[in-house]
């Protein structure tokens, strides 16, 4: 299997696992340009903050370890934003997203 196919397959597996463990959250999993890492973010919380998992090269994790680490780190990311891990946390995440949109919205002239 080519590195590109492996990275895309691993991204799909991790995304499905995150959506299963933490339903309703907007998870994004994408491979790096050299296909050695996966960038994982919850876009409803932050488009900039997330975490990285090495899937090839000297720092690579075993395939099962990468999946378990992604689930653990996904939960930690939710905790850092003070969002519960369950489906109830979806409303909290929406509120955080709404609050951020309001903060950066340009003032409207009446």
Protein backbone atom coordinates (compact mmCIF):
# COMPACT_ATOMS: atom_id res chain seq x y z
CA UNK A 1 0.00 0.00 0.00
CA UNK A 2 1.37 3.42 -0.92
CA UNK A 3 1.92 6.02 1.84
CA UNK A 4 -0.87 8.15 0.36
CA UNK A 5 -3.42 5.32 0.49
CA UNK A 6 -2.31 4.28 3.98
CA UNK A 7 -2.64 7.86 5.29
CA UNK A 8 -6.08 8.32 3.75
CA UNK A 9 -7.30 4.97 5.08
CA UNK A 10 -5.95 5.71 8.57
CA UNK A 11 -7.57 9.19 8.46
CA UNK A 12 -10.90 7.57 7.57
CA UNK A 13 -10.59 5.02 10.39
CA UNK A 14 -9.76 7.67 12.98
CA UNK A 15 -12.51 10.02 11.77
CA UNK A 16 -15.08 7.22 12.00
CA UNK A 17 -13.84 6.32 15.49
CA UNK A 18 -14.04 9.92 16.69
CA UNK A 19 -17.56 10.33 15.28
CA UNK A 20 -18.58 7.08 17.00
CA UNK A 21 -17.02 7.96 20.38
CA UNK A 22 -18.00 11.64 20.36
CA UNK A 23 -21.15 11.90 18.21
CA UNK A 24 -22.31 15.22 16.87
CA UNK A 25 -18.93 16.92 17.04
CA UNK A 26 -17.37 18.29 13.85
CA UNK A 27 -14.11 16.31 13.61
CA UNK A 28 -11.62 16.90 10.80
CA UNK A 29 -8.79 14.45 10.11
CA UNK A 30 -6.34 15.17 7.34
CA UNK A 31 -2.91 13.84 6.38
CA UNK A 32 0.13 16.09 6.19
CA UNK A 33 1.73 16.89 2.83
CA UNK A 34 4.30 14.10 3.26
CA UNK A 35 1.67 11.64 4.61
CA UNK A 36 3.67 10.98 7.80
CA UNK A 37 1.22 12.56 10.25
CA UNK A 38 -2.49 13.14 10.69
CA UNK A 39 -3.79 16.50 11.85
CA UNK A 40 -6.93 16.12 13.96
CA UNK A 41 -9.21 19.02 14.93
CA UNK A 42 -12.71 19.69 16.17
CA UNK A 43 -13.77 22.47 13.81
CA UNK A 44 -16.69 23.52 15.93
CA UNK A 45 -14.25 24.37 18.74
CA UNK A 46 -11.22 25.67 16.85
CA UNK A 47 -9.92 25.53 13.31
CA UNK A 48 -6.38 26.15 14.59
CA UNK A 49 -6.06 23.98 17.69
CA UNK A 50 -5.88 20.23 17.49
CA UNK A 51 -3.32 17.47 17.68
CA UNK A 52 -1.01 15.46 15.49
CA UNK A 53 -0.42 11.70 15.30
CA UNK A 54 2.62 10.22 13.57
CA UNK A 55 1.63 7.31 11.32
CA UNK A 56 4.90 6.70 9.47
CA UNK A 57 8.58 7.33 9.98
CA UNK A 58 10.70 6.89 13.11
CA UNK A 59 8.06 8.37 15.46
CA UNK A 60 5.20 6.30 14.05
CA UNK A 61 2.78 4.54 16.36
CA UNK A 62 1.46 1.04 15.87
CA UNK A 63 -1.85 1.17 13.94
CA UNK A 64 -3.99 0.16 16.93
CA UNK A 65 -2.12 2.56 19.22
CA UNK A 66 -2.78 5.44 16.81
CA UNK A 67 -6.53 4.76 16.94
CA UNK A 68 -6.57 4.57 20.75
CA UNK A 69 -4.44 7.68 21.05
CA UNK A 70 -6.74 9.61 18.72
CA UNK A 71 -9.78 8.71 20.84
CA UNK A 72 -7.98 9.71 24.05
CA UNK A 73 -6.67 12.97 22.57
CA UNK A 74 -10.09 13.79 21.12
CA UNK A 75 -11.57 13.51 24.60
CA UNK A 76 -8.77 15.63 26.02
CA UNK A 77 -9.40 18.32 23.40
CA UNK A 78 -13.06 18.43 24.42
CA UNK A 79 -12.06 18.68 28.08
CA UNK A 80 -9.68 21.57 27.39
CA UNK A 81 -12.60 23.51 25.94
CA UNK A 82 -14.77 22.41 28.90
CA UNK A 83 -17.13 20.49 26.65
CA UNK A 84 -18.51 17.17 27.90
CA UNK A 85 -17.54 14.10 25.92
CA UNK A 86 -21.10 12.87 25.42
CA UNK A 87 -23.66 13.97 22.88
CA UNK A 88 -24.82 16.59 25.39
CA UNK A 89 -21.55 18.40 24.78
CA UNK A 90 -22.77 19.29 21.31
CA UNK A 91 -24.83 22.19 22.66
CA UNK A 92 -21.81 23.42 24.61
CA UNK A 93 -19.68 23.26 21.46
CA UNK A 94 -22.31 25.15 19.49
CA UNK A 95 -22.38 27.85 22.15
CA UNK A 96 -18.59 28.19 22.05
CA UNK A 97 -18.75 28.46 18.23
CA UNK A 98 -21.53 31.05 18.44
CA UNK A 99 -19.65 33.09 21.06
CA UNK A 100 -16.51 33.14 18.92
CA UNK A 101 -18.43 34.21 15.83
CA UNK A 102 -19.98 37.04 17.82
CA UNK A 103 -16.59 38.20 19.13
CA UNK A 104 -15.10 38.49 15.65
CA UNK A 105 -18.15 39.87 13.91
CA UNK A 106 -17.78 43.39 12.52
CA UNK A 107 -20.02 45.98 14.15
CA UNK A 108 -23.16 46.80 12.18
CA UNK A 109 -24.26 50.38 11.62
CA UNK A 110 -27.89 50.92 12.49
